[in-house]
Amino acid sequence: MKYVPVSLFTALVVKDIFLDSKYMPVIDHFETFGREMMAYGHVSHILAGLLVMVIAYFTRSMVVSVLAGLLLVWLISMVIA
């Protein structure tokens, strides 16, 4: 039972990264180094999620992780868009 909250949180996060509101796969287009690229999922959310995993590992704080995640999604969205 101790893994139930983690598994529910993971299911919600993964759904929001890779599926839209109609449960269709998200295909994100972005440009890097002058080349058009395509990725499955929201690129800003994927990058922020990876960085938050590192932050959560070192801080072990849910509050810091959530706040860092919100800030990183906002910052990365501003840079990529």
C-alpha atoms as a PDB file:
ATOM      1  CA  MET A   1       0.000   0.000   0.000  1.00  0.00           C
ATOM      2  CA  LYS A   2       2.917   2.397   0.398  1.00  0.00           C
ATOM      3  CA  TYR A   3       3.359   2.646  -3.410  1.00  0.00           C
ATOM      4  CA  VAL A   4      -0.268   3.568  -4.201  1.00  0.00           C
ATOM      5  CA  PRO A   5       0.192   7.383  -4.002  1.00  0.00           C
ATOM      6  CA  VAL A   6       3.338   7.257  -6.135  1.00  0.00           C
ATOM      7  CA  SER A   7       1.715   5.079  -8.791  1.00  0.00           C
ATOM      8  CA  LEU A   8      -1.412   7.270  -8.964  1.00  0.00           C
ATOM      9  CA  PHE A   9       0.680  10.437  -9.243  1.00  0.00           C
ATOM     10  CA  THR A  10       2.811   8.842 -11.976  1.00  0.00           C
ATOM     11  CA  ALA A  11      -0.269   7.808 -13.953  1.00  0.00           C
ATOM     12  CA  LEU A  12      -1.660  11.353 -13.838  1.00  0.00           C
ATOM     13  CA  VAL A  13       1.624  12.971 -14.843  1.00  0.00           C
ATOM     14  CA  VAL A  14       2.318  10.575 -17.714  1.00  0.00           C
ATOM     15  CA  LYS A  15      -1.227  11.039 -19.044  1.00  0.00           C
ATOM     16  CA  ASP A  16      -0.815  14.822 -19.089  1.00  0.00           C
ATOM     17  CA  ILE A  17       2.558  14.637 -20.845  1.00  0.00           C
ATOM     18  CA  PHE A  18       1.694  12.204 -23.637  1.00  0.00           C
ATOM     19  CA  LEU A  19      -2.108  12.458 -24.114  1.00  0.00           C
ATOM     20  CA  ASP A  20      -4.399  15.411 -24.836  1.00  0.00           C
ATOM     21  CA  SER A  21      -7.873  15.976 -23.365  1.00  0.00           C
ATOM     22  CA  LYS A  22      -9.438  13.579 -25.923  1.00  0.00           C
ATOM     23  CA  TYR A  23      -6.907  10.840 -25.031  1.00  0.00           C
ATOM     24  CA  MET A  24      -5.139  11.179 -28.371  1.00  0.00           C
ATOM     25  CA  PRO A  25      -1.315  11.064 -28.486  1.00  0.00           C
ATOM     26  CA  VAL A  26       0.355  14.471 -28.427  1.00  0.00           C
ATOM     27  CA  ILE A  27       2.807  15.199 -31.235  1.00  0.00           C
ATOM     28  CA  ASP A  28       4.824  18.336 -30.515  1.00  0.00           C
ATOM     29  CA  HIS A  29       6.764  20.179 -33.230  1.00  0.00           C
ATOM     30  CA  PHE A  30       9.673  22.425 -32.288  1.00  0.00           C
ATOM     31  CA  GLU A  31      12.743  23.923 -33.894  1.00  0.00           C
ATOM     32  CA  THR A  32      16.297  23.395 -32.702  1.00  0.00           C
ATOM     33  CA  PHE A  33      19.498  24.508 -34.434  1.00  0.00           C
ATOM     34  CA  GLY A  34      17.427  25.600 -37.415  1.00  0.00           C
ATOM     35  CA  ARG A  35      15.873  22.166 -37.945  1.00  0.00           C
ATOM     36  CA  GLU A  36      12.231  21.265 -37.496  1.00  0.00           C
ATOM     37  CA  MET A  37      11.898  18.418 -34.987  1.00  0.00           C
ATOM     38  CA  MET A  38       8.975  16.270 -33.863  1.00  0.00           C
ATOM     39  CA  ALA A  39       8.472  14.615 -30.483  1.00  0.00           C
ATOM     40  CA  TYR A  40       5.766  12.490 -28.942  1.00  0.00           C
ATOM     41  CA  GLY A  41       4.548  14.410 -25.908  1.00  0.00           C
ATOM     42  CA  HIS A  42       4.884  17.968 -24.681  1.00  0.00           C
ATOM     43  CA  VAL A  43       8.611  18.690 -24.950  1.00  0.00           C
ATOM     44  CA  SER A  44       8.576  21.340 -22.229  1.00  0.00           C
ATOM     45  CA  HIS A  45       6.846  18.982 -19.803  1.00  0.00           C
ATOM     46  CA  ILE A  46       9.237  16.142 -20.592  1.00  0.00           C
ATOM     47  CA  LEU A  47      12.331  18.309 -20.015  1.00  0.00           C
ATOM     48  CA  ALA A  48      10.871  19.784 -16.829  1.00  0.00           C
ATOM     49  CA  GLY A  49       9.947  16.311 -15.594  1.00  0.00           C
ATOM     50  CA  LEU A  50      13.482  15.049 -16.064  1.00  0.00           C
ATOM     51  CA  LEU A  51      14.921  18.044 -14.218  1.00  0.00           C
ATOM     52  CA  VAL A  52      12.381  17.690 -11.398  1.00  0.00           C
ATOM     53  CA  MET A  53      13.320  14.034 -10.985  1.00  0.00           C
ATOM     54  CA  VAL A  54      16.896  15.134 -10.290  1.00  0.00           C
ATOM     55  CA  ILE A  55      15.730  17.893  -7.921  1.00  0.00           C
ATOM     56  CA  ALA A  56      13.413  15.502  -6.066  1.00  0.00           C
ATOM     57  CA  TYR A  57      16.179  12.931  -5.702  1.00  0.00           C
ATOM     58  CA  PHE A  58      18.534  15.394  -4.020  1.00  0.00           C
ATOM     59  CA  THR A  59      16.059  17.448  -1.966  1.00  0.00           C
ATOM     60  CA  ARG A  60      13.570  14.704  -0.999  1.00  0.00           C
ATOM     61  CA  SER A  61      10.972  17.463  -0.663  1.00  0.00           C
ATOM     62  CA  MET A  62       7.592  17.292  -2.383  1.00  0.00           C
ATOM     63  CA  VAL A  63       6.993  21.044  -1.991  1.00  0.00           C
ATOM     64  CA  VAL A  64      10.323  21.982  -3.562  1.00  0.00           C
ATOM     65  CA  SER A  65       9.774  19.456  -6.359  1.00  0.00           C
ATOM     66  CA  VAL A  66       6.283  20.721  -7.223  1.00  0.00           C
ATOM     67  CA  LEU A  67       7.329  24.378  -7.157  1.00  0.00           C
ATOM     68  CA  ALA A  68      10.437  23.633  -9.221  1.00  0.00           C
ATOM     69  CA  GLY A  69       8.309  21.701 -11.716  1.00  0.00           C
ATOM     70  CA  LEU A  70       5.858  24.554 -12.169  1.00  0.00           C
ATOM     71  CA  LEU A  71       8.672  27.050 -12.582  1.00  0.00           C
ATOM     72  CA  LEU A  72      10.599  24.843 -15.005  1.00  0.00           C
ATOM     73  CA  VAL A  73       7.553  24.159 -17.212  1.00  0.00           C
ATOM     74  CA  TRP A  74       6.900  27.890 -17.415  1.00  0.00           C
ATOM     75  CA  LEU A  75      10.538  28.778 -18.166  1.00  0.00           C
ATOM     76  CA  ILE A  76      11.073  26.027 -20.715  1.00  0.00           C
ATOM     77  CA  SER A  77       7.767  26.847 -22.438  1.00  0.00           C
ATOM     78  CA  MET A  78       8.896  30.445 -22.811  1.00  0.00           C
ATOM     79  CA  VAL A  79      12.249  29.373 -24.333  1.00  0.00           C
ATOM     80  CA  ILE A  80      10.900  26.715 -26.719  1.00  0.00           C
ATOM     81  CA  ALA A  81       7.800  28.620 -27.867  1.00  0.00           C
END
